[in-house]
């Protein structure tokens, strides 16, 4: 406990109840950090902040002016920013040739341009070093099916994280990614209501279970702490999934069929 005592941390992407951002924020508060939760839903941020004993500052990561206001208000209230975590994300399943220009632009805005600008602003706001943490995905490294734009933008921002680590290490700033596998969050919860889907995916994990948001939060605590002597890396916090692979579309569809969902389509 108190691993992050006296540190000010921003967690953006924490405006959906019980999502990964809120799990990270909860663990940071437990470790003694002064935490600012951020995202687009002001009402949910206020609820989360009141529950955790944190502060809430709304921000749309796709708008650099919002990010600049987030950093300025955090510094005004709490002083120097020591930790900044990007938990934002958006995923839409689609065959490669069915991805629309509008979908691609939204994916780029949320998962590449937004994080890029978030790190630009946070680097400029860290006057005494700090830790930048990007929540990535296992399928930035291994194959997923039907998520080409998601995979590409996650992989792209992981390389940006490496560039930040290389350029700003001399300033005492560390930058790392964390790559979960399939995790029960509001974005993926539907899959966890289907036991055959969970069983099919669990077989892909050498450690024998699918990961949780608590697993990711624990890794984030270490990356944020002064004990971390690591930068420019992507922690594969996914039970060894990247040693194997996600289920193939054939196995996924078979599991859906066993669950009584026809040819893999869900309402």
C-alpha atoms as a PDB file:
ATOM      1  CA  UNK A   1       0.000   0.000   0.000  1.00  0.00           C
ATOM      2  CA  UNK A   2       0.991   3.648  -0.472  1.00  0.00           C
ATOM      3  CA  UNK A   3       3.159   2.696  -3.448  1.00  0.00           C
ATOM      4  CA  UNK A   4       1.992   5.874  -5.191  1.00  0.00           C
ATOM      5  CA  UNK A   5       1.845   8.147  -2.168  1.00  0.00           C
ATOM      6  CA  UNK A   6       2.135  11.873  -3.010  1.00  0.00           C
ATOM      7  CA  UNK A   7       1.829  11.239  -6.759  1.00  0.00           C
ATOM      8  CA  UNK A   8      -0.803  12.953  -8.898  1.00  0.00           C
ATOM      9  CA  UNK A   9      -2.241  10.657 -11.549  1.00  0.00           C
ATOM     10  CA  UNK A  10      -4.624  11.257 -14.449  1.00  0.00           C
ATOM     11  CA  UNK A  11      -6.646   8.314 -15.732  1.00  0.00           C
ATOM     12  CA  UNK A  12      -8.499   9.139 -18.936  1.00  0.00           C
ATOM     13  CA  UNK A  13     -11.109   6.724 -20.259  1.00  0.00           C
ATOM     14  CA  UNK A  14     -12.793   6.263 -16.868  1.00  0.00           C
ATOM     15  CA  UNK A  15     -16.316   7.429 -17.632  1.00  0.00           C
ATOM     16  CA  UNK A  16     -18.066   4.069 -17.993  1.00  0.00           C
ATOM     17  CA  UNK A  17     -19.087   2.300 -14.815  1.00  0.00           C
ATOM     18  CA  UNK A  18     -16.684  -0.486 -13.802  1.00  0.00           C
ATOM     19  CA  UNK A  19     -14.537  -0.172 -16.911  1.00  0.00           C
ATOM     20  CA  UNK A  20     -10.773  -0.678 -16.977  1.00  0.00           C
ATOM     21  CA  UNK A  21     -10.080   3.015 -16.392  1.00  0.00           C
ATOM     22  CA  UNK A  22     -12.132   2.996 -13.209  1.00  0.00           C
ATOM     23  CA  UNK A  23     -10.361  -0.170 -12.043  1.00  0.00           C
ATOM     24  CA  UNK A  24      -6.989   1.531 -12.542  1.00  0.00           C
ATOM     25  CA  UNK A  25      -8.186   4.677 -10.768  1.00  0.00           C
ATOM     26  CA  UNK A  26      -9.537   2.639  -7.839  1.00  0.00           C
ATOM     27  CA  UNK A  27      -6.233   0.840  -7.396  1.00  0.00           C
ATOM     28  CA  UNK A  28      -4.244   4.084  -7.682  1.00  0.00           C
ATOM     29  CA  UNK A  29      -6.345   5.673  -4.922  1.00  0.00           C
ATOM     30  CA  UNK A  30      -5.759   2.596  -2.750  1.00  0.00           C
ATOM     31  CA  UNK A  31      -2.022   3.053  -3.314  1.00  0.00           C
ATOM     32  CA  UNK A  32      -2.123   6.643  -2.041  1.00  0.00           C
ATOM     33  CA  UNK A  33      -2.208   8.635  -5.287  1.00  0.00           C
ATOM     34  CA  UNK A  34      -4.174  11.831  -5.862  1.00  0.00           C
ATOM     35  CA  UNK A  35      -6.273  10.705  -8.807  1.00  0.00           C
ATOM     36  CA  UNK A  36      -8.108  12.638 -11.492  1.00  0.00           C
ATOM     37  CA  UNK A  37     -10.609  10.557 -13.469  1.00  0.00           C
ATOM     38  CA  UNK A  38     -11.406  11.836 -16.923  1.00  0.00           C
ATOM     39  CA  UNK A  39     -13.513  11.086 -19.965  1.00  0.00           C
ATOM     40  CA  UNK A  40     -16.593  12.408 -21.746  1.00  0.00           C
ATOM     41  CA  UNK A  41     -19.448  11.453 -19.373  1.00  0.00           C
ATOM     42  CA  UNK A  42     -19.353  14.127 -16.675  1.00  0.00           C
ATOM     43  CA  UNK A  43     -22.134  12.576 -14.587  1.00  0.00           C
ATOM     44  CA  UNK A  44     -20.439   9.175 -14.416  1.00  0.00           C
ATOM     45  CA  UNK A  45     -17.091  10.800 -13.677  1.00  0.00           C
ATOM     46  CA  UNK A  46     -18.647  12.663 -10.746  1.00  0.00           C
ATOM     47  CA  UNK A  47     -20.199   9.441  -9.436  1.00  0.00           C
ATOM     48  CA  UNK A  48     -16.898   7.564  -9.743  1.00  0.00           C
ATOM     49  CA  UNK A  49     -14.881  10.386  -8.174  1.00  0.00           C
ATOM     50  CA  UNK A  50     -17.253  10.636  -5.220  1.00  0.00           C
ATOM     51  CA  UNK A  51     -17.048   6.897  -4.657  1.00  0.00           C
ATOM     52  CA  UNK A  52     -13.257   6.749  -4.844  1.00  0.00           C
ATOM     53  CA  UNK A  53     -12.312  10.034  -3.222  1.00  0.00           C
ATOM     54  CA  UNK A  54     -10.859  11.284  -6.483  1.00  0.00           C
ATOM     55  CA  UNK A  55     -11.364  14.391  -8.622  1.00  0.00           C
ATOM     56  CA  UNK A  56     -13.313  14.474 -11.880  1.00  0.00           C
ATOM     57  CA  UNK A  57     -12.365  16.589 -14.910  1.00  0.00           C
ATOM     58  CA  UNK A  58     -14.195  15.902 -18.193  1.00  0.00           C
ATOM     59  CA  UNK A  59     -12.144  15.619 -21.369  1.00  0.00           C
ATOM     60  CA  UNK A  60     -12.674  14.408 -24.921  1.00  0.00           C
ATOM     61  CA  UNK A  61      -9.353  12.847 -25.913  1.00  0.00           C
ATOM     62  CA  UNK A  62      -9.991  13.668 -29.584  1.00  0.00           C
ATOM     63  CA  UNK A  63      -9.804  17.403 -28.789  1.00  0.00           C
ATOM     64  CA  UNK A  64      -6.358  18.734 -27.924  1.00  0.00           C
ATOM     65  CA  UNK A  65      -7.845  21.845 -26.301  1.00  0.00           C
ATOM     66  CA  UNK A  66      -9.728  19.561 -23.882  1.00  0.00           C
ATOM     67  CA  UNK A  67      -6.524  17.712 -23.020  1.00  0.00           C
ATOM     68  CA  UNK A  68      -4.717  20.995 -22.388  1.00  0.00           C
ATOM     69  CA  UNK A  69      -7.525  22.109 -20.063  1.00  0.00           C
ATOM     70  CA  UNK A  70      -7.355  18.743 -18.260  1.00  0.00           C
ATOM     71  CA  UNK A  71      -3.625  19.140 -17.656  1.00  0.00           C
ATOM     72  CA  UNK A  72      -3.911  22.781 -16.587  1.00  0.00           C
ATOM     73  CA  UNK A  73      -6.761  22.133 -14.152  1.00  0.00           C
ATOM     74  CA  UNK A  74      -4.989  19.098 -12.688  1.00  0.00           C
ATOM     75  CA  UNK A  75      -1.845  21.143 -12.081  1.00  0.00           C
ATOM     76  CA  UNK A  76      -3.901  23.955 -10.584  1.00  0.00           C
ATOM     77  CA  UNK A  77      -5.576  21.631  -8.097  1.00  0.00           C
ATOM     78  CA  UNK A  78      -2.793  19.157  -7.332  1.00  0.00           C
ATOM     79  CA  UNK A  79       0.540  20.399  -8.669  1.00  0.00           C
ATOM     80  CA  UNK A  80       2.859  18.441 -10.950  1.00  0.00           C
ATOM     81  CA  UNK A  81       1.461  15.482 -12.872  1.00  0.00           C
ATOM     82  CA  UNK A  82       3.451  12.323 -12.142  1.00  0.00           C
ATOM     83  CA  UNK A  83       1.375   9.637 -13.885  1.00  0.00           C
ATOM     84  CA  UNK A  84      -0.905   9.716 -16.939  1.00  0.00           C
ATOM     85  CA  UNK A  85      -2.809   6.653 -18.105  1.00  0.00           C
ATOM     86  CA  UNK A  86      -4.766   6.399 -21.348  1.00  0.00           C
ATOM     87  CA  UNK A  87      -7.554   3.824 -21.049  1.00  0.00           C
ATOM     88  CA  UNK A  88      -9.714   5.138 -23.884  1.00  0.00           C
ATOM     89  CA  UNK A  89     -10.666   2.802 -26.704  1.00  0.00           C
ATOM     90  CA  UNK A  90     -13.291   1.899 -29.250  1.00  0.00           C
ATOM     91  CA  UNK A  91     -13.799  -1.335 -31.131  1.00  0.00           C
ATOM     92  CA  UNK A  92     -16.172  -2.215 -33.947  1.00  0.00           C
ATOM     93  CA  UNK A  93     -16.109  -5.634 -35.570  1.00  0.00           C
ATOM     94  CA  UNK A  94     -16.167  -5.499 -39.361  1.00  0.00           C
ATOM     95  CA  UNK A  95     -14.716  -7.389 -42.287  1.00  0.00           C
ATOM     96  CA  UNK A  96     -11.724  -5.554 -43.750  1.00  0.00           C
ATOM     97  CA  UNK A  97     -13.526  -4.371 -46.890  1.00  0.00           C
ATOM     98  CA  UNK A  98     -16.593  -3.313 -44.905  1.00  0.00           C
ATOM     99  CA  UNK A  99     -14.801  -0.716 -42.753  1.00  0.00           C
ATOM    100  CA  UNK A 100     -16.254   2.643 -43.736  1.00  0.00           C
ATOM    101  CA  UNK A 101     -14.330   5.882 -44.055  1.00  0.00           C
ATOM    102  CA  UNK A 102     -16.330   7.293 -41.132  1.00  0.00           C
ATOM    103  CA  UNK A 103     -15.506   4.284 -38.948  1.00  0.00           C
ATOM    104  CA  UNK A 104     -11.836   4.513 -39.877  1.00  0.00           C
ATOM    105  CA  UNK A 105     -11.693   8.218 -39.080  1.00  0.00           C
ATOM    106  CA  UNK A 106     -13.349   7.660 -35.707  1.00  0.00           C
ATOM    107  CA  UNK A 107     -10.909   4.849 -34.926  1.00  0.00           C
ATOM    108  CA  UNK A 108      -7.954   7.056 -35.849  1.00  0.00           C
ATOM    109  CA  UNK A 109      -9.277   9.951 -33.759  1.00  0.00           C
ATOM    110  CA  UNK A 110      -9.895   7.865 -30.643  1.00  0.00           C
ATOM    111  CA  UNK A 111      -7.023   5.420 -30.822  1.00  0.00           C
ATOM    112  CA  UNK A 112      -4.199   7.261 -32.568  1.00  0.00           C
ATOM    113  CA  UNK A 113      -4.569  11.031 -32.877  1.00  0.00           C
ATOM    114  CA  UNK A 114      -6.138  11.404 -29.431  1.00  0.00           C
ATOM    115  CA  UNK A 115      -3.531   9.348 -27.552  1.00  0.00           C
ATOM    116  CA  UNK A 116      -0.714  11.014 -29.528  1.00  0.00           C
ATOM    117  CA  UNK A 117      -1.923  14.442 -28.435  1.00  0.00           C
ATOM    118  CA  UNK A 118      -2.586  13.213 -24.892  1.00  0.00           C
ATOM    119  CA  UNK A 119       1.043  12.170 -24.566  1.00  0.00           C
ATOM    120  CA  UNK A 120       2.250  15.423 -26.124  1.00  0.00           C
ATOM    121  CA  UNK A 121       0.404  17.442 -23.489  1.00  0.00           C
ATOM    122  CA  UNK A 122       1.360  15.154 -20.606  1.00  0.00           C
ATOM    123  CA  UNK A 123       5.062  15.163 -21.514  1.00  0.00           C
ATOM    124  CA  UNK A 124       4.987  18.961 -21.455  1.00  0.00           C
ATOM    125  CA  UNK A 125       3.254  18.863 -18.060  1.00  0.00           C
ATOM    126  CA  UNK A 126       5.742  16.561 -16.314  1.00  0.00           C
ATOM    127  CA  UNK A 127       8.349  18.879 -14.860  1.00  0.00           C
ATOM    128  CA  UNK A 128       9.972  16.300 -12.584  1.00  0.00           C
ATOM    129  CA  UNK A 129       9.736  13.103 -14.607  1.00  0.00           C
ATOM    130  CA  UNK A 130       6.848  10.703 -14.554  1.00  0.00           C
ATOM    131  CA  UNK A 131       5.170   7.678 -16.060  1.00  0.00           C
ATOM    132  CA  UNK A 132       3.000   7.499 -19.182  1.00  0.00           C
ATOM    133  CA  UNK A 133       0.921   4.336 -19.588  1.00  0.00           C
ATOM    134  CA  UNK A 134      -1.005   3.293 -22.696  1.00  0.00           C
ATOM    135  CA  UNK A 135      -3.603   0.525 -22.449  1.00  0.00           C
ATOM    136  CA  UNK A 136      -3.058  -1.397 -25.658  1.00  0.00           C
ATOM    137  CA  UNK A 137      -4.269  -4.876 -26.633  1.00  0.00           C
ATOM    138  CA  UNK A 138      -2.854  -8.334 -27.220  1.00  0.00           C
ATOM    139  CA  UNK A 139      -4.161  -8.127 -30.784  1.00  0.00           C
ATOM    140  CA  UNK A 140      -1.754  -5.308 -31.476  1.00  0.00           C
ATOM    141  CA  UNK A 141       0.818  -8.145 -31.459  1.00  0.00           C
ATOM    142  CA  UNK A 142      -1.102 -11.313 -32.420  1.00  0.00           C
ATOM    143  CA  UNK A 143      -3.924 -11.913 -34.838  1.00  0.00           C
ATOM    144  CA  UNK A 144      -7.535 -11.013 -34.120  1.00  0.00           C
ATOM    145  CA  UNK A 145     -10.301 -11.437 -36.635  1.00  0.00           C
ATOM    146  CA  UNK A 146     -12.577  -8.676 -37.862  1.00  0.00           C
ATOM    147  CA  UNK A 147     -10.755  -5.854 -36.070  1.00  0.00           C
ATOM    148  CA  UNK A 148      -8.136  -4.676 -38.575  1.00  0.00           C
ATOM    149  CA  UNK A 149      -8.544  -0.950 -37.869  1.00  0.00           C
ATOM    150  CA  UNK A 150      -8.532  -1.530 -34.096  1.00  0.00           C
ATOM    151  CA  UNK A 151      -5.390  -3.649 -34.347  1.00  0.00           C
ATOM    152  CA  UNK A 152      -3.611  -1.165 -36.579  1.00  0.00           C
ATOM    153  CA  UNK A 153      -4.277   1.881 -34.434  1.00  0.00           C
ATOM    154  CA  UNK A 154      -3.334   0.070 -31.214  1.00  0.00           C
ATOM    155  CA  UNK A 155      -0.086  -1.157 -32.773  1.00  0.00           C
ATOM    156  CA  UNK A 156       0.635   2.311 -34.161  1.00  0.00           C
ATOM    157  CA  UNK A 157       0.267   4.087 -30.829  1.00  0.00           C
ATOM    158  CA  UNK A 158       2.441   1.413 -29.176  1.00  0.00           C
ATOM    159  CA  UNK A 159       5.254   2.513 -31.493  1.00  0.00           C
ATOM    160  CA  UNK A 160       4.583   6.136 -30.587  1.00  0.00           C
ATOM    161  CA  UNK A 161       4.966   5.133 -26.920  1.00  0.00           C
ATOM    162  CA  UNK A 162       8.400   3.705 -27.768  1.00  0.00           C
ATOM    163  CA  UNK A 163       9.345   6.943 -29.514  1.00  0.00           C
ATOM    164  CA  UNK A 164       8.248   8.977 -26.474  1.00  0.00           C
ATOM    165  CA  UNK A 165      10.265   6.704 -24.188  1.00  0.00           C
ATOM    166  CA  UNK A 166      13.360   7.166 -26.331  1.00  0.00           C
ATOM    167  CA  UNK A 167      13.049  10.932 -26.671  1.00  0.00           C
ATOM    168  CA  UNK A 168      12.077  11.864 -23.131  1.00  0.00           C
ATOM    169  CA  UNK A 169      13.949   9.355 -20.993  1.00  0.00           C
ATOM    170  CA  UNK A 170      16.541  12.019 -20.274  1.00  0.00           C
ATOM    171  CA  UNK A 171      13.756  14.085 -18.720  1.00  0.00           C
ATOM    172  CA  UNK A 172      12.983  11.220 -16.348  1.00  0.00           C
ATOM    173  CA  UNK A 173       9.804  10.236 -18.184  1.00  0.00           C
ATOM    174  CA  UNK A 174       8.990   6.569 -18.689  1.00  0.00           C
ATOM    175  CA  UNK A 175       6.469   5.446 -21.315  1.00  0.00           C
ATOM    176  CA  UNK A 176       5.096   1.918 -21.560  1.00  0.00           C
ATOM    177  CA  UNK A 177       2.097   0.005 -22.862  1.00  0.00           C
ATOM    178  CA  UNK A 178       0.033  -2.752 -21.230  1.00  0.00           C
ATOM    179  CA  UNK A 179      -1.632  -5.331 -23.477  1.00  0.00           C
ATOM    180  CA  UNK A 180      -4.624  -7.181 -22.029  1.00  0.00           C
ATOM    181  CA  UNK A 181      -6.290 -10.044 -23.824  1.00  0.00           C
ATOM    182  CA  UNK A 182     -10.045 -10.522 -23.717  1.00  0.00           C
ATOM    183  CA  UNK A 183     -11.141  -8.852 -20.477  1.00  0.00           C
ATOM    184  CA  UNK A 184     -14.595  -8.457 -18.940  1.00  0.00           C
ATOM    185  CA  UNK A 185     -15.319  -4.747 -19.362  1.00  0.00           C
ATOM    186  CA  UNK A 186     -18.436  -2.819 -20.435  1.00  0.00           C
ATOM    187  CA  UNK A 187     -17.103  -2.909 -24.021  1.00  0.00           C
ATOM    188  CA  UNK A 188     -16.803  -6.741 -24.072  1.00  0.00           C
ATOM    189  CA  UNK A 189     -19.314  -7.852 -21.443  1.00  0.00           C
ATOM    190  CA  UNK A 190     -21.697  -9.444 -23.951  1.00  0.00           C
ATOM    191  CA  UNK A 191     -19.159 -12.170 -24.723  1.00  0.00           C
ATOM    192  CA  UNK A 192     -18.907 -13.101 -21.050  1.00  0.00           C
ATOM    193  CA  UNK A 193     -22.613 -13.901 -20.925  1.00  0.00           C
ATOM    194  CA  UNK A 194     -21.983 -16.844 -23.285  1.00  0.00           C
ATOM    195  CA  UNK A 195     -20.215 -19.696 -21.487  1.00  0.00           C
ATOM    196  CA  UNK A 196     -19.137 -21.449 -24.691  1.00  0.00           C
ATOM    197  CA  UNK A 197     -17.379 -18.294 -25.882  1.00  0.00           C
ATOM    198  CA  UNK A 198     -15.559 -17.916 -22.558  1.00  0.00           C
ATOM    199  CA  UNK A 199     -14.554 -21.602 -22.559  1.00  0.00           C
ATOM    200  CA  UNK A 200     -13.275 -21.375 -26.142  1.00  0.00           C
ATOM    201  CA  UNK A 201     -11.102 -18.366 -25.342  1.00  0.00           C
ATOM    202  CA  UNK A 202      -9.903 -19.700 -21.974  1.00  0.00           C
ATOM    203  CA  UNK A 203      -8.249 -22.646 -23.731  1.00  0.00           C
ATOM    204  CA  UNK A 204      -5.951 -20.140 -25.455  1.00  0.00           C
ATOM    205  CA  UNK A 205      -4.462 -18.878 -22.171  1.00  0.00           C
ATOM    206  CA  UNK A 206      -1.496 -20.837 -20.747  1.00  0.00           C
ATOM    207  CA  UNK A 207      -2.363 -19.641 -17.232  1.00  0.00           C
ATOM    208  CA  UNK A 208      -5.826 -21.142 -17.596  1.00  0.00           C
ATOM    209  CA  UNK A 209      -8.043 -18.121 -17.131  1.00  0.00           C
ATOM    210  CA  UNK A 210      -9.079 -14.941 -18.887  1.00  0.00           C
ATOM    211  CA  UNK A 211      -7.668 -11.751 -17.405  1.00  0.00           C
ATOM    212  CA  UNK A 212      -9.459  -9.150 -15.318  1.00  0.00           C
ATOM    213  CA  UNK A 213      -9.310  -5.385 -15.022  1.00  0.00           C
ATOM    214  CA  UNK A 214      -7.690  -5.920 -11.622  1.00  0.00           C
ATOM    215  CA  UNK A 215      -4.770  -7.673 -13.360  1.00  0.00           C
ATOM    216  CA  UNK A 216      -4.255  -4.636 -15.571  1.00  0.00           C
ATOM    217  CA  UNK A 217      -4.574  -2.223 -12.640  1.00  0.00           C
ATOM    218  CA  UNK A 218      -1.892  -4.127 -10.727  1.00  0.00           C
ATOM    219  CA  UNK A 219       0.503  -3.834 -13.660  1.00  0.00           C
ATOM    220  CA  UNK A 220      -0.273  -0.126 -13.973  1.00  0.00           C
ATOM    221  CA  UNK A 221       0.625   0.420 -10.310  1.00  0.00           C
ATOM    222  CA  UNK A 222       4.092  -1.028 -10.888  1.00  0.00           C
ATOM    223  CA  UNK A 223       4.645   1.005 -14.058  1.00  0.00           C
ATOM    224  CA  UNK A 224       3.596   4.144 -12.185  1.00  0.00           C
ATOM    225  CA  UNK A 225       5.805   3.457  -9.175  1.00  0.00           C
ATOM    226  CA  UNK A 226       9.351   4.603  -8.492  1.00  0.00           C
ATOM    227  CA  UNK A 227      10.412   0.938  -8.425  1.00  0.00           C
ATOM    228  CA  UNK A 228       9.887   0.668 -12.181  1.00  0.00           C
ATOM    229  CA  UNK A 229      13.116   0.808 -14.189  1.00  0.00           C
ATOM    230  CA  UNK A 230      11.476   0.103 -17.541  1.00  0.00           C
ATOM    231  CA  UNK A 231      10.578   2.248 -20.507  1.00  0.00           C
ATOM    232  CA  UNK A 232       9.537   1.751 -24.105  1.00  0.00           C
ATOM    233  CA  UNK A 233       8.083  -1.679 -23.434  1.00  0.00           C
ATOM    234  CA  UNK A 234       4.749  -3.409 -23.975  1.00  0.00           C
ATOM    235  CA  UNK A 235       3.781  -5.570 -21.017  1.00  0.00           C
ATOM    236  CA  UNK A 236       1.762  -8.565 -22.197  1.00  0.00           C
ATOM    237  CA  UNK A 237      -0.519  -8.850 -19.175  1.00  0.00           C
ATOM    238  CA  UNK A 238      -2.729 -11.512 -20.713  1.00  0.00           C
ATOM    239  CA  UNK A 239      -1.931 -14.828 -19.088  1.00  0.00           C
ATOM    240  CA  UNK A 240       0.368 -15.895 -21.909  1.00  0.00           C
ATOM    241  CA  UNK A 241      -2.188 -15.434 -24.688  1.00  0.00           C
ATOM    242  CA  UNK A 242       0.471 -13.976 -26.977  1.00  0.00           C
ATOM    243  CA  UNK A 243       2.383 -17.283 -26.725  1.00  0.00           C
ATOM    244  CA  UNK A 244      -0.543 -18.835 -28.562  1.00  0.00           C
ATOM    245  CA  UNK A 245      -3.361 -17.086 -30.416  1.00  0.00           C
ATOM    246  CA  UNK A 246      -6.985 -16.077 -30.205  1.00  0.00           C
ATOM    247  CA  UNK A 247      -9.503 -18.649 -31.433  1.00  0.00           C
ATOM    248  CA  UNK A 248      -9.914 -18.798 -35.201  1.00  0.00           C
ATOM    249  CA  UNK A 249     -13.163 -17.536 -36.726  1.00  0.00           C
ATOM    250  CA  UNK A 250     -14.184 -21.177 -37.258  1.00  0.00           C
ATOM    251  CA  UNK A 251     -13.831 -21.986 -33.554  1.00  0.00           C
ATOM    252  CA  UNK A 252     -15.537 -18.726 -32.562  1.00  0.00           C
ATOM    253  CA  UNK A 253     -18.523 -19.424 -34.825  1.00  0.00           C
ATOM    254  CA  UNK A 254     -18.756 -23.001 -33.561  1.00  0.00           C
ATOM    255  CA  UNK A 255     -18.943 -21.717 -29.986  1.00  0.00           C
ATOM    256  CA  UNK A 256     -21.625 -19.238 -30.986  1.00  0.00           C
ATOM    257  CA  UNK A 257     -23.600 -22.052 -32.621  1.00  0.00           C
ATOM    258  CA  UNK A 258     -23.324 -24.226 -29.500  1.00  0.00           C
ATOM    259  CA  UNK A 259     -24.693 -21.272 -27.549  1.00  0.00           C
ATOM    260  CA  UNK A 260     -27.725 -21.248 -29.826  1.00  0.00           C
ATOM    261  CA  UNK A 261     -26.788 -18.073 -31.672  1.00  0.00           C
ATOM    262  CA  UNK A 262     -26.986 -19.373 -35.216  1.00  0.00           C
ATOM    263  CA  UNK A 263     -24.080 -18.511 -37.512  1.00  0.00           C
ATOM    264  CA  UNK A 264     -22.297 -16.259 -35.121  1.00  0.00           C
ATOM    265  CA  UNK A 265     -24.666 -13.305 -35.278  1.00  0.00           C
ATOM    266  CA  UNK A 266     -25.892 -11.727 -32.082  1.00  0.00           C
ATOM    267  CA  UNK A 267     -28.623  -9.186 -31.541  1.00  0.00           C
END
